[in-house]
N, C-alpha and C. Protein backbone atom coordinates (compact mmCIF):
# COMPACT_ATOMS: atom_id res chain seq x y z
N MET A 1 109.72 103.83 86.12
CA MET A 1 108.85 102.61 86.45
C MET A 1 108.04 103.30 87.48
N THR A 2 106.81 102.76 86.65
CA THR A 2 105.21 103.26 87.36
C THR A 2 104.98 102.52 88.83
N THR A 3 104.16 103.19 89.37
CA THR A 3 103.86 102.44 90.81
C THR A 3 103.22 101.03 90.63
N THR A 4 102.43 100.99 89.50
CA THR A 4 101.45 99.66 89.21
C THR A 4 102.57 98.81 88.92
N SER A 5 103.86 99.03 87.82
CA SER A 5 104.54 98.42 87.89
C SER A 5 105.66 97.65 88.72
N LEU A 6 105.80 98.83 89.84
CA LEU A 6 106.66 98.36 91.00
C LEU A 6 105.94 97.30 91.75
N ILE A 7 104.61 97.38 91.79
CA ILE A 7 103.77 96.26 92.62
C ILE A 7 104.06 95.05 91.91
N THR A 8 104.09 94.94 90.65
CA THR A 8 103.75 93.59 89.72
C THR A 8 105.16 93.32 89.52
N THR A 9 106.18 93.89 89.60
CA THR A 9 107.51 93.54 89.10
C THR A 9 108.02 92.49 89.83
N ASP A 10 108.58 91.40 89.02
CA ASP A 10 109.14 90.26 89.59
C ASP A 10 110.04 90.74 90.84
N PRO A 11 109.84 90.11 92.01
CA PRO A 11 110.26 90.51 93.33
C PRO A 11 111.90 90.27 92.97
N ALA A 12 112.35 89.16 92.47
CA ALA A 12 113.68 88.78 92.21
C ALA A 12 114.20 90.26 91.55
N GLU A 13 113.61 90.73 90.55
CA GLU A 13 114.22 91.76 90.04
C GLU A 13 114.50 93.11 90.77
N LEU A 14 113.20 93.40 91.67
CA LEU A 14 113.16 94.30 92.28
C LEU A 14 114.04 94.54 93.58
N ALA A 15 114.27 93.43 94.24
CA ALA A 15 115.21 93.16 95.44
C ALA A 15 116.53 93.78 95.02
N LEU A 16 117.04 94.62 96.09
CA LEU A 16 118.50 95.03 95.98
C LEU A 16 119.47 94.15 95.98
N VAL A 17 119.26 92.88 96.55
CA VAL A 17 120.35 91.94 96.49
C VAL A 17 119.70 90.84 95.86
N PRO A 18 120.26 90.27 94.75
CA PRO A 18 119.63 89.31 94.30
C PRO A 18 119.75 87.65 95.30
N GLY A 19 119.01 86.86 94.92
CA GLY A 19 118.81 85.65 95.43
C GLY A 19 117.58 84.90 95.47
N ASP A 20 117.29 83.72 96.18
CA ASP A 20 116.04 83.10 96.33
C ASP A 20 114.99 83.88 96.96
N VAL A 21 113.68 84.27 96.56
CA VAL A 21 112.79 85.12 97.01
C VAL A 21 112.08 84.19 98.25
N ILE A 22 112.17 84.51 99.44
CA ILE A 22 111.75 83.90 100.51
C ILE A 22 110.21 84.53 100.93
N THR A 23 110.17 85.89 100.93
CA THR A 23 109.10 86.59 101.40
C THR A 23 108.83 87.81 100.20
N ASP A 24 107.42 87.87 99.89
CA ASP A 24 107.15 89.11 98.96
C ASP A 24 105.68 89.72 99.31
N THR A 25 105.94 90.82 100.00
CA THR A 25 104.52 91.24 100.40
C THR A 25 104.04 92.68 100.34
N VAL A 26 103.07 93.06 99.75
CA VAL A 26 102.90 94.54 99.86
C VAL A 26 102.19 94.80 101.08
N ILE A 27 102.66 95.90 101.80
CA ILE A 27 102.09 96.12 103.00
C ILE A 27 100.83 97.27 102.89
N GLY A 28 99.57 97.33 103.00
CA GLY A 28 98.69 98.13 103.08
C GLY A 28 99.15 99.47 103.77
N ASP A 29 98.43 100.63 103.32
CA ASP A 29 98.74 101.76 103.85
C ASP A 29 98.00 101.74 105.25
N ARG A 30 98.83 102.33 106.26
CA ARG A 30 98.22 102.30 107.75
C ARG A 30 98.58 100.96 108.45
N ALA A 31 98.96 99.93 107.74
CA ALA A 31 99.03 98.53 108.27
C ALA A 31 100.41 98.12 108.80
N PRO A 32 100.15 97.16 109.62
CA PRO A 32 101.33 96.52 110.33
C PRO A 32 102.07 95.00 109.46
N TRP A 33 103.28 94.84 109.93
CA TRP A 33 103.83 93.75 109.16
C TRP A 33 104.86 93.19 109.96
N SER A 34 105.13 91.82 110.34
CA SER A 34 105.92 91.29 111.02
C SER A 34 106.72 90.04 110.46
N GLY A 35 107.90 89.95 110.69
CA GLY A 35 108.42 88.52 110.25
C GLY A 35 109.87 88.31 110.62
N VAL A 36 110.39 87.02 110.84
CA VAL A 36 111.73 86.87 111.18
C VAL A 36 112.54 86.76 110.12
N VAL A 37 113.66 87.47 109.89
CA VAL A 37 114.48 87.35 108.79
C VAL A 37 115.69 86.53 109.09
N ALA A 38 115.80 85.36 108.47
CA ALA A 38 117.03 84.49 108.91
C ALA A 38 118.49 85.42 108.95
N ALA A 39 119.51 84.75 109.40
CA ALA A 39 120.83 85.36 109.33
C ALA A 39 121.39 85.17 107.95
N GLY A 40 121.80 86.07 107.33
CA GLY A 40 122.24 86.06 105.89
C GLY A 40 121.26 86.46 104.83
N ASP A 41 119.82 86.41 105.15
CA ASP A 41 119.05 86.74 104.38
C ASP A 41 119.19 88.48 104.40
N VAL A 42 118.56 88.72 103.13
CA VAL A 42 118.40 90.28 102.97
C VAL A 42 116.78 91.16 102.90
N LEU A 43 116.48 91.90 103.70
CA LEU A 43 115.16 92.48 103.45
C LEU A 43 115.28 93.78 102.51
N THR A 44 114.49 93.81 101.49
CA THR A 44 114.54 94.83 100.64
C THR A 44 113.12 95.91 101.17
N ILE A 45 112.98 96.82 101.42
CA ILE A 45 111.94 97.60 101.48
C ILE A 45 111.76 98.99 100.31
N VAL A 46 110.77 98.67 99.70
CA VAL A 46 110.44 99.62 98.52
C VAL A 46 109.40 100.52 98.86
N ASP A 47 109.49 101.67 98.59
CA ASP A 47 108.65 102.97 98.58
C ASP A 47 107.90 103.14 97.61
N LEU A 48 106.96 102.52 97.35
CA LEU A 48 106.28 102.40 95.98
C LEU A 48 105.68 103.60 95.59
N TYR A 49 105.10 104.58 96.39
CA TYR A 49 104.59 105.86 95.90
C TYR A 49 105.18 106.96 96.12
N GLY A 50 106.19 106.71 97.14
CA GLY A 50 107.44 108.00 97.55
C GLY A 50 106.82 108.58 98.83
N ASN A 51 107.61 109.12 99.61
CA ASN A 51 107.49 109.70 100.94
C ASN A 51 106.43 109.01 101.86
N GLN A 52 106.97 107.79 102.17
CA GLN A 52 106.19 107.02 102.94
C GLN A 52 107.41 106.73 104.19
N ALA A 53 106.76 107.06 105.11
CA ALA A 53 107.73 106.59 106.62
C ALA A 53 107.28 105.20 106.98
N VAL A 54 108.23 104.43 106.93
CA VAL A 54 108.28 102.86 107.25
C VAL A 54 108.70 102.68 108.89
N ASP A 55 108.24 102.91 109.93
CA ASP A 55 108.57 102.70 111.32
C ASP A 55 108.90 101.35 111.56
N THR A 56 110.12 100.92 112.15
CA THR A 56 110.44 99.48 112.07
C THR A 56 111.38 99.49 113.59
N LEU A 57 110.89 98.30 114.20
CA LEU A 57 111.60 97.62 115.35
C LEU A 57 112.18 96.24 114.90
N PHE A 58 113.28 96.21 115.65
CA PHE A 58 113.99 94.74 115.69
C PHE A 58 114.25 93.89 116.85
N TYR A 59 113.98 92.71 116.74
CA TYR A 59 114.52 92.08 118.05
C TYR A 59 115.36 90.89 117.91
N GLY A 60 115.67 89.99 118.63
CA GLY A 60 116.11 89.03 118.46
C GLY A 60 115.15 87.74 118.05
N GLY A 61 115.57 87.10 117.01
CA GLY A 61 114.64 86.12 116.35
C GLY A 61 113.92 85.18 116.88
N ARG A 62 114.94 84.72 118.22
CA ARG A 62 114.36 83.92 119.11
C ARG A 62 114.17 84.40 120.26
N ASP A 63 114.98 85.18 121.01
CA ASP A 63 115.30 85.74 122.37
C ASP A 63 114.72 87.09 122.18
N HIS A 64 113.43 87.62 122.39
CA HIS A 64 112.88 88.85 121.84
C HIS A 64 113.14 89.92 123.16
N THR A 65 113.88 89.53 123.98
CA THR A 65 114.50 90.60 125.16
C THR A 65 115.64 91.18 124.60
N ILE A 66 116.30 90.61 123.45
CA ILE A 66 117.37 91.26 122.82
C ILE A 66 116.50 92.18 121.71
N ARG A 67 117.09 93.38 121.74
CA ARG A 67 115.98 94.56 120.90
C ARG A 67 116.82 95.72 120.38
N TYR A 68 116.45 96.34 119.63
CA TYR A 68 117.10 97.20 118.74
C TYR A 68 117.42 98.52 119.98
N SER A 69 118.54 99.26 119.92
CA SER A 69 118.87 100.22 120.41
C SER A 69 119.54 101.58 119.95
N ALA A 70 118.59 102.47 119.70
CA ALA A 70 119.00 103.82 118.80
C ALA A 70 120.28 104.22 119.29
N GLN A 71 120.52 104.24 121.03
CA GLN A 71 121.45 104.94 121.60
C GLN A 71 122.81 104.07 121.11
N ALA A 72 122.80 102.59 121.00
CA ALA A 72 123.91 102.11 120.53
C ALA A 72 124.13 102.05 119.21
N THR A 73 123.45 102.17 118.49
CA THR A 73 123.86 102.29 117.03
C THR A 73 123.94 103.65 116.69
N ILE A 74 123.56 104.83 117.06
CA ILE A 74 124.01 105.89 116.96
C ILE A 74 125.47 106.15 117.48
N ALA A 75 126.06 105.76 118.68
CA ALA A 75 127.12 105.82 119.34
C ALA A 75 128.26 105.28 118.48
N ALA A 76 128.14 103.92 118.08
CA ALA A 76 128.94 103.17 117.36
C ALA A 76 129.30 103.61 115.85
N GLN A 77 128.19 104.50 115.21
CA GLN A 77 128.75 104.76 114.12
C GLN A 77 129.04 106.45 114.08
N GLY A 78 128.76 107.00 115.19
CA GLY A 78 128.77 108.78 115.25
C GLY A 78 128.22 109.31 114.47
N ASN A 79 126.90 108.95 114.31
CA ASN A 79 125.90 109.99 113.48
C ASN A 79 124.89 109.26 113.41
N ILE A 80 123.68 110.53 113.69
CA ILE A 80 122.44 110.09 113.98
C ILE A 80 121.58 109.70 112.98
N PHE A 81 121.84 109.78 111.90
CA PHE A 81 121.04 109.36 110.75
C PHE A 81 121.91 107.93 110.08
N LEU A 82 120.85 107.21 109.60
CA LEU A 82 121.26 105.92 109.24
C LEU A 82 121.31 105.80 107.52
N THR A 83 122.18 104.98 107.16
CA THR A 83 122.49 104.98 105.68
C THR A 83 123.07 103.50 105.24
N THR A 84 123.64 103.52 104.16
CA THR A 84 124.34 102.40 103.88
C THR A 84 125.61 102.09 104.52
N GLY A 85 125.78 100.91 105.27
CA GLY A 85 126.96 100.81 106.33
C GLY A 85 126.51 100.86 107.79
N THR A 86 125.29 101.46 107.99
CA THR A 86 124.96 101.68 109.19
C THR A 86 124.54 99.88 109.86
N VAL A 87 125.09 99.97 110.95
CA VAL A 87 124.74 98.34 111.59
C VAL A 87 123.93 98.96 112.73
N ILE A 88 122.71 97.67 112.49
CA ILE A 88 121.63 98.10 113.50
C ILE A 88 122.05 97.18 114.44
N ARG A 89 121.99 98.02 115.89
CA ARG A 89 122.47 97.05 116.92
C ARG A 89 121.61 97.17 118.22
N ASP A 90 121.63 95.99 118.86
CA ASP A 90 120.89 95.95 120.09
C ASP A 90 121.51 96.64 121.56
N GLN A 91 120.85 96.33 122.42
CA GLN A 91 121.13 97.06 123.65
C GLN A 91 122.53 96.87 124.17
N GLU A 92 123.18 95.60 123.69
CA GLU A 92 124.67 95.36 124.13
C GLU A 92 125.63 95.85 123.05
N SER A 93 125.17 96.52 121.91
CA SER A 93 125.74 96.86 120.69
C SER A 93 126.03 95.80 119.83
N ASN A 94 125.36 94.67 120.12
CA ASN A 94 125.61 93.65 118.95
C ASN A 94 124.76 93.76 117.90
N PRO A 95 125.47 93.42 116.84
CA PRO A 95 124.80 93.78 115.25
C PRO A 95 123.54 92.60 115.31
N LEU A 96 122.29 93.46 114.82
CA LEU A 96 121.24 92.53 114.36
C LEU A 96 121.06 92.53 113.02
N MET A 97 121.13 93.79 112.23
CA MET A 97 121.23 93.80 110.65
C MET A 97 122.01 95.05 110.05
N THR A 98 122.45 94.80 108.94
CA THR A 98 123.15 95.97 108.46
C THR A 98 122.57 96.53 107.28
N ILE A 99 122.50 97.93 107.28
CA ILE A 99 122.09 98.28 105.93
C ILE A 99 123.00 98.27 104.88
N VAL A 100 123.02 97.40 103.71
CA VAL A 100 123.72 97.14 102.37
C VAL A 100 123.45 97.92 101.29
N ASP A 101 122.51 98.54 101.36
CA ASP A 101 122.17 99.36 100.05
C ASP A 101 121.21 100.50 100.48
N ASP A 102 121.18 101.52 99.81
CA ASP A 102 120.40 102.54 100.35
C ASP A 102 119.85 103.59 99.00
N GLU A 103 119.03 103.92 98.40
CA GLU A 103 118.72 104.69 97.56
C GLU A 103 118.31 106.14 97.77
N VAL A 104 118.28 106.36 99.48
CA VAL A 104 117.82 107.66 99.61
C VAL A 104 118.91 108.28 100.45
N GLY A 105 119.52 107.72 101.45
CA GLY A 105 120.88 108.26 101.75
C GLY A 105 120.67 108.97 103.13
N ASN A 106 119.35 108.88 103.78
CA ASN A 106 119.25 109.30 105.04
C ASN A 106 117.99 109.05 105.76
N HIS A 107 118.15 108.27 106.83
CA HIS A 107 116.86 107.63 107.67
C HIS A 107 117.10 108.01 109.04
N ASP A 108 115.95 108.17 109.87
CA ASP A 108 115.81 108.83 110.94
C ASP A 108 115.78 107.73 111.95
N THR A 109 116.39 107.96 113.28
CA THR A 109 116.04 107.12 114.40
C THR A 109 115.85 107.68 115.72
N LEU A 110 115.44 109.34 115.39
CA LEU A 110 115.20 109.87 116.59
C LEU A 110 113.64 110.52 116.98
N GLY A 111 112.88 110.41 115.85
CA GLY A 111 111.71 110.87 115.70
C GLY A 111 110.53 109.98 116.47
N GLY A 112 110.88 108.71 116.80
CA GLY A 112 110.02 108.01 117.43
C GLY A 112 108.86 107.48 116.42
N ALA A 113 107.90 107.02 117.08
CA ALA A 113 106.68 106.22 116.67
C ALA A 113 105.44 107.32 116.86
N CYS A 114 104.70 107.52 116.14
CA CYS A 114 103.24 108.32 116.73
C CYS A 114 102.14 107.33 117.38
N SER A 115 101.71 107.76 118.08
CA SER A 115 100.77 107.07 119.13
C SER A 115 99.36 108.04 119.08
N GLN A 116 98.55 107.29 119.86
CA GLN A 116 97.19 107.99 119.62
C GLN A 116 97.40 109.19 120.87
N GLU A 117 98.10 108.93 121.87
CA GLU A 117 98.46 110.05 122.85
C GLU A 117 99.43 110.94 122.34
N SER A 118 100.37 110.89 121.84
CA SER A 118 101.27 111.81 121.18
C SER A 118 100.42 112.85 120.30
N ASN A 119 99.69 112.01 119.19
CA ASN A 119 98.79 112.67 118.39
C ASN A 119 97.83 113.57 118.93
N THR A 120 97.31 113.23 120.21
CA THR A 120 96.11 114.10 120.92
C THR A 120 97.06 115.39 121.36
N LEU A 121 98.17 114.96 122.04
CA LEU A 121 99.04 116.16 122.42
C LEU A 121 99.46 117.30 121.47
N ARG A 122 99.88 116.40 120.18
CA ARG A 122 100.48 117.49 119.20
C ARG A 122 99.52 118.32 118.54
N TYR A 123 98.52 117.42 118.14
CA TYR A 123 97.37 117.97 117.20
C TYR A 123 95.97 118.26 117.54
N GLY A 124 95.91 117.78 118.76
CA GLY A 124 94.41 118.12 119.26
C GLY A 124 93.57 116.94 119.52
N HIS A 125 92.56 117.16 120.64
CA HIS A 125 91.86 116.20 120.89
C HIS A 125 90.86 115.37 119.90
N HIS A 126 90.57 115.97 118.98
CA HIS A 126 90.06 115.52 117.61
C HIS A 126 90.68 114.37 116.87
N THR A 127 92.06 114.41 117.01
CA THR A 127 92.95 112.98 116.63
C THR A 127 92.86 111.96 117.43
N LYS A 128 92.28 111.78 118.40
CA LYS A 128 92.45 110.73 119.38
C LYS A 128 92.02 109.57 118.68
N HIS A 129 91.08 109.65 117.85
CA HIS A 129 90.52 108.07 117.24
C HIS A 129 91.29 107.60 116.09
N GLN A 130 92.48 108.40 115.58
CA GLN A 130 93.32 108.00 114.60
C GLN A 130 93.96 106.92 114.85
N HIS A 131 94.27 105.76 114.09
CA HIS A 131 95.29 104.74 114.18
C HIS A 131 96.64 105.40 114.27
N ALA A 132 97.83 104.77 114.74
CA ALA A 132 99.02 105.10 114.87
C ALA A 132 99.81 103.99 114.80
N CYS A 133 101.21 104.36 114.96
CA CYS A 133 102.28 103.41 114.63
C CYS A 133 102.34 102.65 115.94
N VAL A 134 102.28 103.06 117.32
CA VAL A 134 102.26 102.22 118.52
C VAL A 134 101.12 101.13 118.26
N GLU A 135 100.02 101.38 118.00
CA GLU A 135 98.84 100.61 117.74
C GLU A 135 99.32 99.52 116.78
N ASN A 136 99.93 99.68 115.76
CA ASN A 136 100.53 98.80 114.58
C ASN A 136 101.58 97.85 115.00
N PHE A 137 102.56 98.59 116.10
CA PHE A 137 103.59 97.70 116.73
C PHE A 137 102.90 96.58 117.24
N LEU A 138 101.96 97.05 118.19
CA LEU A 138 101.28 96.10 119.36
C LEU A 138 100.36 94.96 118.46
N ILE A 139 99.96 95.49 117.34
CA ILE A 139 99.13 94.56 116.49
C ILE A 139 100.24 93.35 115.99
N GLY A 140 101.41 93.74 115.31
CA GLY A 140 102.27 92.97 114.73
C GLY A 140 103.05 92.57 115.93
N GLY A 141 103.31 92.89 116.84
CA GLY A 141 104.16 92.29 118.18
C GLY A 141 103.18 91.26 118.67
N ALA A 142 101.87 91.00 118.81
CA ALA A 142 101.04 90.39 119.67
C ALA A 142 101.49 88.81 119.26
N PRO A 143 101.68 88.38 118.03
CA PRO A 143 101.91 86.96 117.84
C PRO A 143 103.23 86.50 118.19
N HIS A 144 103.89 87.25 118.39
CA HIS A 144 105.45 86.93 118.88
C HIS A 144 105.57 87.30 120.50
N GLY A 145 104.42 87.46 121.27
CA GLY A 145 104.45 87.39 122.53
C GLY A 145 105.03 89.03 123.01
N LEU A 146 104.75 89.93 122.17
CA LEU A 146 105.47 91.29 122.37
C LEU A 146 104.12 92.32 123.04
N GLY A 147 104.36 93.02 123.87
CA GLY A 147 103.35 93.97 124.43
C GLY A 147 103.86 95.53 124.26
N LYS A 148 103.15 96.47 125.26
CA LYS A 148 103.56 97.71 125.22
C LYS A 148 105.00 97.77 126.08
N ARG A 149 104.76 97.11 126.99
CA ARG A 149 106.33 97.32 127.63
C ARG A 149 107.69 96.97 127.02
N ASP A 150 107.40 95.93 125.75
CA ASP A 150 108.52 95.77 124.81
C ASP A 150 108.72 96.62 123.90
N MET A 151 108.04 97.82 123.86
CA MET A 151 108.39 98.60 122.56
C MET A 151 109.52 99.75 123.19
N VAL A 152 110.40 99.76 122.18
CA VAL A 152 111.51 100.79 122.36
C VAL A 152 111.55 101.70 121.26
N GLY A 153 112.59 102.75 121.54
CA GLY A 153 112.87 103.39 120.36
C GLY A 153 112.92 102.78 118.87
N ASN A 154 112.56 103.41 117.69
CA ASN A 154 112.42 102.48 116.60
C ASN A 154 113.20 103.59 115.54
N VAL A 155 113.42 102.87 114.20
CA VAL A 155 113.64 103.49 113.28
C VAL A 155 112.82 103.91 112.14
N ASN A 156 113.22 105.16 111.57
CA ASN A 156 111.80 105.71 110.79
C ASN A 156 112.56 105.77 109.12
N PHE A 157 112.56 104.41 108.51
CA PHE A 157 113.10 104.37 107.24
C PHE A 157 112.24 105.28 106.34
N PHE A 158 112.82 106.25 105.33
CA PHE A 158 112.35 107.43 104.58
C PHE A 158 111.71 108.46 104.91
N MET A 159 112.01 108.44 106.36
CA MET A 159 111.40 109.72 107.02
C MET A 159 112.46 110.72 107.31
N ASN A 160 112.34 111.88 106.79
CA ASN A 160 113.08 113.14 106.95
C ASN A 160 113.13 113.82 108.26
N VAL A 161 114.02 113.71 109.37
CA VAL A 161 113.69 114.63 110.40
C VAL A 161 114.98 115.42 110.62
N PRO A 162 115.24 116.68 110.24
CA PRO A 162 116.40 117.45 110.27
C PRO A 162 116.49 117.79 111.81
N VAL A 163 117.95 118.05 112.08
CA VAL A 163 117.85 118.95 113.54
C VAL A 163 118.20 120.19 113.43
N ASP A 164 117.54 120.82 114.17
CA ASP A 164 117.54 122.73 113.84
C ASP A 164 119.02 123.28 114.60
N PRO A 165 119.49 124.22 114.39
CA PRO A 165 120.59 124.54 115.10
C PRO A 165 120.23 124.54 116.63
N ASP A 166 118.96 124.90 117.06
CA ASP A 166 118.64 124.83 118.58
C ASP A 166 118.57 123.37 118.94
N GLY A 167 118.66 122.45 118.33
CA GLY A 167 118.38 120.94 118.74
C GLY A 167 117.35 120.45 118.54
N SER A 168 116.39 121.31 118.11
CA SER A 168 114.71 120.58 118.09
C SER A 168 114.97 119.92 116.66
N LEU A 169 114.02 119.21 116.83
CA LEU A 169 113.73 118.34 115.73
C LEU A 169 112.53 118.63 114.62
N GLY A 170 112.78 118.40 113.57
CA GLY A 170 111.67 118.87 112.77
C GLY A 170 111.07 117.63 111.58
N ILE A 171 109.82 117.43 111.24
CA ILE A 171 109.40 116.50 110.42
C ILE A 171 108.99 117.06 109.23
N VAL A 172 109.77 117.03 108.24
CA VAL A 172 109.43 118.04 106.88
C VAL A 172 109.53 116.73 105.67
N ASP A 173 109.09 117.13 104.52
CA ASP A 173 108.69 116.49 103.65
C ASP A 173 110.00 115.48 103.28
N GLY A 174 109.63 114.29 103.04
CA GLY A 174 110.83 113.22 102.71
C GLY A 174 111.56 113.35 101.81
N LEU A 175 112.87 112.66 101.91
CA LEU A 175 113.70 112.60 100.62
C LEU A 175 113.42 111.50 99.68
N SER A 176 112.65 110.86 99.81
CA SER A 176 112.40 109.81 98.75
C SER A 176 111.51 109.99 97.70
N ALA A 177 111.28 108.83 97.06
CA ALA A 177 110.59 109.13 95.72
C ALA A 177 110.08 107.73 95.19
N PRO A 178 109.09 107.66 94.26
CA PRO A 178 108.49 106.62 93.85
C PRO A 178 109.61 105.45 93.54
N GLY A 179 109.66 104.18 94.13
CA GLY A 179 110.77 103.10 93.78
C GLY A 179 111.86 103.24 94.70
N LYS A 180 112.26 104.15 95.31
CA LYS A 180 113.29 103.96 96.36
C LYS A 180 113.20 102.96 97.17
N ARG A 181 114.65 102.52 97.43
CA ARG A 181 114.58 101.18 97.95
C ARG A 181 115.69 101.19 99.13
N LEU A 182 115.76 100.41 100.12
CA LEU A 182 116.93 100.26 101.11
C LEU A 182 116.93 98.50 101.24
N ALA A 183 118.29 98.15 101.62
CA ALA A 183 118.32 96.59 101.92
C ALA A 183 119.10 96.60 103.07
N LEU A 184 118.45 95.52 104.22
CA LEU A 184 119.09 95.31 105.42
C LEU A 184 119.37 93.94 105.32
N ARG A 185 120.74 93.56 105.64
CA ARG A 185 121.11 92.01 105.67
C ARG A 185 121.15 91.56 107.24
N ALA A 186 120.42 90.46 107.56
CA ALA A 186 120.38 89.95 109.07
C ALA A 186 121.73 89.21 109.24
N GLU A 187 122.50 89.85 110.38
CA GLU A 187 123.48 89.20 110.90
C GLU A 187 123.39 88.42 112.03
N VAL A 188 122.16 88.35 112.49
CA VAL A 188 121.61 87.02 113.28
C VAL A 188 120.05 87.02 112.90
N ASP A 189 119.27 85.78 113.32
CA ASP A 189 117.90 85.79 112.99
C ASP A 189 117.19 86.84 113.75
N THR A 190 116.59 87.87 112.87
CA THR A 190 116.18 89.00 113.59
C THR A 190 114.51 89.11 113.27
N LEU A 191 113.93 89.20 114.32
CA LEU A 191 112.29 89.64 114.50
C LEU A 191 112.20 91.09 113.74
N VAL A 192 111.60 91.28 112.66
CA VAL A 192 111.45 92.82 112.28
C VAL A 192 109.73 92.93 112.38
N LEU A 193 109.30 94.36 113.11
CA LEU A 193 108.07 94.61 113.25
C LEU A 193 108.19 95.90 112.30
N ILE A 194 107.19 95.97 111.35
CA ILE A 194 106.80 97.24 110.66
C ILE A 194 105.69 97.98 110.78
N SER A 195 105.62 99.07 111.07
CA SER A 195 104.31 99.98 110.96
C SER A 195 104.52 100.94 109.73
N ASN A 196 103.66 100.54 108.70
CA ASN A 196 103.53 101.24 107.65
C ASN A 196 102.74 102.61 108.20
N CYS A 197 103.45 103.80 108.48
CA CYS A 197 102.83 104.79 109.24
C CYS A 197 101.52 105.28 108.76
N PRO A 198 100.76 105.42 109.54
CA PRO A 198 99.44 105.84 109.10
C PRO A 198 99.17 107.53 109.61
N GLN A 199 100.36 108.07 110.20
CA GLN A 199 100.19 109.61 110.32
C GLN A 199 99.78 110.51 109.05
N ILE A 200 98.70 111.21 109.42
CA ILE A 200 98.04 112.18 108.55
C ILE A 200 98.18 113.60 108.89
N ASN A 201 99.00 113.87 109.97
CA ASN A 201 99.00 115.45 110.55
C ASN A 201 100.30 116.16 110.65
N ASN A 202 101.23 115.52 109.92
CA ASN A 202 102.51 116.02 109.53
C ASN A 202 102.63 115.68 108.18
N PRO A 203 103.83 115.94 107.64
CA PRO A 203 104.34 115.63 106.44
C PRO A 203 105.18 114.55 106.07
N CYS A 204 105.40 113.37 107.15
CA CYS A 204 106.37 112.45 107.06
C CYS A 204 105.56 111.50 105.90
N ASN A 205 104.28 111.55 105.69
CA ASN A 205 103.68 110.57 104.45
C ASN A 205 103.37 111.50 103.44
N GLY A 206 103.52 112.59 103.24
CA GLY A 206 102.69 113.43 102.56
C GLY A 206 101.33 113.66 102.77
N PHE A 207 100.94 113.55 104.01
CA PHE A 207 99.58 113.57 104.44
C PHE A 207 98.80 112.53 103.88
N ASP A 208 99.23 111.50 103.14
CA ASP A 208 98.71 110.68 102.18
C ASP A 208 99.29 109.35 102.49
N PRO A 209 99.03 108.45 103.53
CA PRO A 209 99.65 107.14 103.59
C PRO A 209 99.57 106.12 102.58
N THR A 210 100.85 105.31 101.93
CA THR A 210 100.37 104.72 100.92
C THR A 210 101.21 103.30 101.21
N GLU A 211 100.97 102.31 100.25
CA GLU A 211 101.52 101.15 100.27
C GLU A 211 102.99 101.04 100.46
N VAL A 212 103.76 100.10 100.78
CA VAL A 212 105.14 99.78 100.73
C VAL A 212 105.22 98.24 100.06
N ARG A 213 106.23 97.86 99.48
CA ARG A 213 106.35 96.51 99.58
C ARG A 213 107.95 95.89 100.24
N VAL A 214 107.76 94.82 100.76
CA VAL A 214 108.92 94.08 101.58
C VAL A 214 109.35 92.76 100.66
N ILE A 215 110.62 92.61 100.43
CA ILE A 215 111.06 91.44 99.49
C ILE A 215 112.03 90.95 100.58
N VAL A 216 112.22 89.44 100.82
CA VAL A 216 113.32 89.12 101.62
C VAL A 216 113.95 88.05 100.53
N THR A 217 115.21 88.11 100.37
CA THR A 217 116.02 87.27 99.47
C THR A 217 117.08 86.58 100.24
N ARG A 218 117.18 85.12 99.89
CA ARG A 218 118.28 84.34 100.31
C ARG A 218 119.73 84.58 99.33
N PRO A 219 120.63 85.20 99.30
CA PRO A 219 121.80 85.07 98.28
C PRO A 219 121.95 83.89 98.18
N HIS A 220 122.62 83.60 96.82
CA HIS A 220 123.24 82.33 96.59
C HIS A 220 124.52 82.22 97.20
N ALA A 221 125.07 81.02 97.61
CA ALA A 221 126.25 80.92 98.06
C ALA A 221 127.30 80.98 96.95
N ALA A 222 128.36 81.91 97.42
CA ALA A 222 129.54 81.94 96.29
C ALA A 222 130.19 80.97 95.82
């Protein structure tokens, strides 16, 4: 399937979990997105062009002091990488969402989100002007009353961050490909913030940020 067809395909056909389509959005390259996924609904994220990191944060749909915890998520599953069966947990280790399907098989929650400050530190002062994920999170979170103090460690879907023998993290070419998808079921009403990563200084986006598609479906009652 070509990227053009992935963009125009009926969302009900492209969603990994069938049901009534609640939301269908193409997120522009370098752009933010936010939305509340109701309990029981399923969010499918489609990597349209391949090798595009999708930085993601999770909060309680009504109480935004409930928020994603990488530490609780990793500790509960005993694995630093996320894939099918991973339960996305809050700071009290309560479930927010569950990855119910995954066509890539390896997603990161250690590498963090790029920011103008970290870009400057890692890549030089000439990158200070470049848009970054923290800025996207602030844009996406503002309508929900979220600011910089509410930012926590995030998930990087489709991003490949291996751990070297000395314990250091690497950011290398992704494992995804055009059309690869993953699906998350909301266990409770969950606010999802996405930064379609704008990074151009390392290979997390193949040095060329591209669009992704998000589809929310409501499965039919059994």
